[in-house]
Protein backbone atom coordinates (compact mmCIF):
# COMPACT_ATOMS: atom_id res chain seq x y z
CA MET A 1 5.55 -11.52 4.41
CA ASN A 2 2.58 -13.21 2.80
CA LYS A 3 -0.32 -11.22 4.20
CA GLN A 4 -2.98 -9.35 2.29
CA LEU A 5 -4.76 -6.20 3.38
CA THR A 6 -8.45 -5.48 3.08
CA LYS A 7 -9.45 -2.30 1.25
CA ALA A 8 -9.99 -0.45 4.56
CA GLU A 9 -6.67 -1.68 5.97
CA GLU A 10 -4.83 -0.66 2.83
CA GLN A 11 -6.40 2.81 2.94
CA ILE A 12 -5.09 3.29 6.49
CA MET A 13 -1.68 1.90 5.56
CA GLN A 14 -1.46 4.39 2.68
CA VAL A 15 -1.96 7.20 5.21
CA LEU A 16 0.62 5.74 7.61
CA TRP A 17 3.15 5.23 4.79
CA THR A 18 2.68 8.89 3.83
CA LEU A 19 2.80 10.33 7.37
CA GLU A 20 5.36 7.78 8.68
CA GLU A 21 3.76 8.00 12.13
CA ALA A 22 0.41 9.26 13.34
CA SER A 23 -2.27 9.11 16.01
CA VAL A 24 -5.70 7.68 15.18
CA LYS A 25 -7.03 11.24 14.89
CA GLU A 26 -4.27 12.21 12.45
CA VAL A 27 -5.05 9.15 10.33
CA ILE A 28 -8.76 10.07 10.29
CA ASP A 29 -7.90 13.65 9.28
CA LYS A 30 -6.14 12.34 6.14
CA LEU A 31 -8.94 9.96 5.10
CA PRO A 32 -11.49 11.09 2.50
CA GLU A 33 -15.09 12.01 3.32
CA PRO A 34 -17.19 10.51 4.73
CA LYS A 35 -14.77 10.08 7.62
CA PRO A 36 -15.00 6.75 9.44
CA ALA A 37 -15.68 6.70 13.18
CA TYR A 38 -12.73 6.94 15.56
CA ASN A 39 -13.48 3.45 16.96
CA THR A 40 -13.54 1.98 13.45
CA VAL A 41 -10.10 3.35 12.60
CA SER A 42 -8.74 2.36 16.00
CA THR A 43 -10.00 -1.21 15.50
CA ILE A 44 -8.49 -1.45 12.01
CA ILE A 45 -5.15 -0.19 13.32
CA ARG A 46 -5.21 -2.86 16.07
CA ILE A 47 -5.87 -5.47 13.37
CA LEU A 48 -2.91 -4.10 11.42
CA GLU A 49 -0.80 -4.49 14.56
CA THR A 50 -1.93 -8.13 14.87
CA LYS A 51 -0.98 -8.68 11.22
CA GLU A 52 2.40 -7.06 12.04
CA PHE A 53 2.01 -4.21 9.55
CA VAL A 54 1.91 -1.51 12.25
CA GLY A 55 3.67 -0.85 15.53
CA HIS A 56 3.00 1.76 18.20
CA LYS A 57 4.69 3.83 20.86
CA PRO A 58 3.04 5.59 23.80
CA LEU A 59 2.41 9.30 23.67
CA GLY A 60 0.65 10.78 26.67
CA ARG A 61 -2.55 8.81 27.22
CA GLY A 62 -2.61 7.55 23.63
CA PHE A 63 -0.37 6.00 21.04
CA ILE A 64 1.46 6.97 17.90
CA TYR A 65 1.31 4.32 15.17
CA PHE A 66 3.90 3.66 12.50
CA PRO A 67 4.29 1.20 9.63
CA ILE A 68 6.53 -1.82 10.18
CA ILE A 69 6.18 -3.09 6.62
CA GLU A 70 7.59 -0.80 3.93
CA LYS A 71 5.23 0.26 1.16
CA GLU A 72 7.66 -1.00 -1.49
CA ALA A 73 7.82 -4.47 0.07
CA TYR A 74 4.02 -4.73 0.25
CA SER A 75 3.64 -3.39 -3.30
CA ASN A 76 6.12 -5.95 -4.58
CA GLN A 77 4.31 -8.80 -2.82
CA SER A 78 0.92 -7.63 -4.13
CA LEU A 79 2.26 -7.32 -7.65
CA HIS A 80 3.67 -10.85 -7.52
CA LYS A 81 0.36 -12.18 -6.23
CA LEU A 82 -1.44 -10.45 -9.11
CA MET A 83 1.10 -11.79 -11.59
CA ASP A 84 0.86 -15.34 -10.24
CA GLY A 85 -2.94 -15.31 -9.99
CA TYR A 86 -3.82 -13.76 -13.33
CA PHE A 87 -0.79 -14.07 -15.60
CA ASP A 88 0.62 -17.54 -14.74
CA GLY A 89 3.61 -15.91 -13.07
CA SER A 90 4.70 -14.22 -16.30
CA PHE A 91 5.86 -10.64 -15.89
CA LYS A 92 5.94 -10.29 -19.69
CA SER A 93 2.27 -11.32 -19.95
CA MET A 94 1.27 -8.90 -17.20
CA VAL A 95 3.10 -5.94 -18.74
CA SER A 96 1.76 -6.84 -22.18
CA PHE A 97 -1.78 -6.88 -20.77
CA PHE A 98 -1.41 -3.43 -19.19
CA VAL A 99 0.16 -1.99 -22.35
CA LYS A 100 -2.72 -3.28 -24.51
CA GLU A 101 -5.49 -2.35 -22.06
CA ASN A 102 -4.15 1.16 -21.56
CA LYS A 103 -3.38 1.68 -25.24
CA MET A 104 0.18 2.75 -24.57
CA ASP A 105 2.26 3.86 -27.51
CA VAL A 106 5.94 3.21 -28.22
CA ALA A 107 6.99 6.63 -26.89
CA GLU A 108 5.39 5.89 -23.50
CA LEU A 109 7.09 2.50 -23.32
CA GLU A 110 10.45 4.07 -24.17
CA SER A 111 9.88 6.65 -21.45
CA ILE A 112 9.20 3.88 -18.91
CA LEU A 113 12.35 2.02 -19.98
CA LYS A 114 14.42 5.19 -19.54
CA GLU A 115 13.04 5.58 -15.98
CA VAL A 116 13.86 1.94 -15.19
CA ASN A 117 17.38 2.30 -16.58
CA LYS A 118 17.98 5.46 -14.49
CA LYS A 119 17.32 3.51 -11.29
CA GLU A 120 19.82 0.76 -12.07
């Protein structure tokens, strides 16, 4: 997978990743105000299908949509693109940047390391 999402596409994917499957109306219900038009959301979902991020199954006269790409896989790809584009592919440089910019202290870093070690 080497596809990027627009801001609007990513917003809809976030809803679908949360709900796991939904109709266009259900997606719209979860979007913040001002709500986009039904046709707008429907068009974006069709684009997501073309990009192979979303699949659908029939339900009555409509469809239920579901993510094909897992959120974790897309997040990982996006993070690598950020790392390659802004930090010369160096994870250390990227983490160092975020630590400095967010003024993290040693206790916060240790907490993050504990979380990482728990998942191994």
